[in-house]
């Protein structure tokens, strides 16, 4: 029976992994689960952020980025 990365290390612990273990599949599982937890936490923390209006300076920046994406690249 295999172990899941979260079986031995609760999320509030800091995990120090020796270099010799870093090619181990368990280490990759730990990284994936940690990234997923961080992503979930950030989405929960900032769920309302998308609903807030942008400041005028950010609107200008977004328009500049959009214009740069839609402009054809000059090859020279």
Protein backbone atom coordinates (compact mmCIF):
# COMPACT_ATOMS: atom_id res chain seq x y z
CA UNK A 1 0.00 0.00 0.00
CA UNK A 2 1.45 3.36 -1.03
CA UNK A 3 1.52 6.48 1.09
CA UNK A 4 0.06 9.79 0.04
CA UNK A 5 2.28 12.79 0.51
CA UNK A 6 -0.07 14.20 3.15
CA UNK A 7 -0.17 10.98 5.25
CA UNK A 8 2.94 11.81 7.25
CA UNK A 9 3.23 15.61 7.11
CA UNK A 10 0.37 17.84 8.27
CA UNK A 11 0.09 21.06 6.30
CA UNK A 12 1.20 23.29 9.18
CA UNK A 13 4.64 21.63 9.33
CA UNK A 14 7.70 22.85 7.48
CA UNK A 15 9.27 19.96 5.60
CA UNK A 16 13.00 19.80 4.99
CA UNK A 17 13.85 17.31 2.27
CA UNK A 18 17.45 16.17 1.74
CA UNK A 19 18.84 16.53 -1.77
CA UNK A 20 19.16 12.75 -2.03
CA UNK A 21 15.34 12.38 -1.73
CA UNK A 22 14.39 15.02 -4.24
CA UNK A 23 14.15 12.60 -7.15
CA UNK A 24 11.71 10.47 -5.17
CA UNK A 25 8.10 10.36 -6.37
CA UNK A 26 6.89 11.11 -2.83
CA UNK A 27 8.72 14.45 -2.93
CA UNK A 28 6.91 15.35 -6.16
CA UNK A 29 3.60 14.37 -4.55
CA UNK A 30 4.37 16.64 -1.60
CA UNK A 31 5.10 19.53 -3.96
CA UNK A 32 1.91 19.00 -5.97
CA UNK A 33 -0.30 18.74 -2.88
CA UNK A 34 1.32 21.81 -1.34
CA UNK A 35 0.86 23.86 -4.50
CA UNK A 36 -2.78 22.78 -4.70
CA UNK A 37 -3.38 23.78 -1.05
CA UNK A 38 -1.70 27.15 -1.60
CA UNK A 39 -3.75 27.76 -4.74
CA UNK A 40 -6.98 26.84 -2.99
CA UNK A 41 -6.16 29.08 -0.03
CA UNK A 42 -5.34 32.03 -2.30
CA UNK A 43 -8.52 31.57 -4.34
CA UNK A 44 -10.56 31.53 -1.12
CA UNK A 45 -8.77 34.57 0.31
CA UNK A 46 -9.16 36.64 -2.84
CA UNK A 47 -12.51 35.35 -4.14
CA UNK A 48 -14.04 38.83 -4.04
CA UNK A 49 -11.06 40.50 -5.69
CA UNK A 50 -12.40 39.90 -9.21
CA UNK A 51 -15.59 41.74 -8.29
CA UNK A 52 -13.81 44.95 -7.27
CA UNK A 53 -13.44 47.74 -9.84
CA UNK A 54 -9.97 48.47 -11.17
CA UNK A 55 -8.29 51.75 -10.39
CA UNK A 56 -7.95 54.17 -13.33
CA UNK A 57 -4.20 53.56 -13.56
CA UNK A 58 -4.75 49.78 -13.73
CA UNK A 59 -7.39 50.22 -16.45
CA UNK A 60 -4.83 52.15 -18.51
CA UNK A 61 -2.24 49.42 -17.94
CA UNK A 62 -4.67 46.66 -18.94
CA UNK A 63 -5.56 48.53 -22.14
CA UNK A 64 -1.86 48.96 -22.96
CA UNK A 65 -1.25 45.24 -22.44
CA UNK A 66 -4.29 44.32 -24.55
CA UNK A 67 -3.17 46.70 -27.31
CA UNK A 68 0.32 45.16 -27.25
CA UNK A 69 -1.12 41.67 -27.60
CA UNK A 70 -3.34 42.57 -30.52
CA UNK A 71 -0.69 44.58 -32.38
CA UNK A 72 1.14 42.58 -35.04
CA UNK A 73 4.80 41.99 -34.32
CA UNK A 74 7.23 43.91 -36.46
CA UNK A 75 9.92 41.67 -37.90
CA UNK A 76 12.99 43.50 -38.95
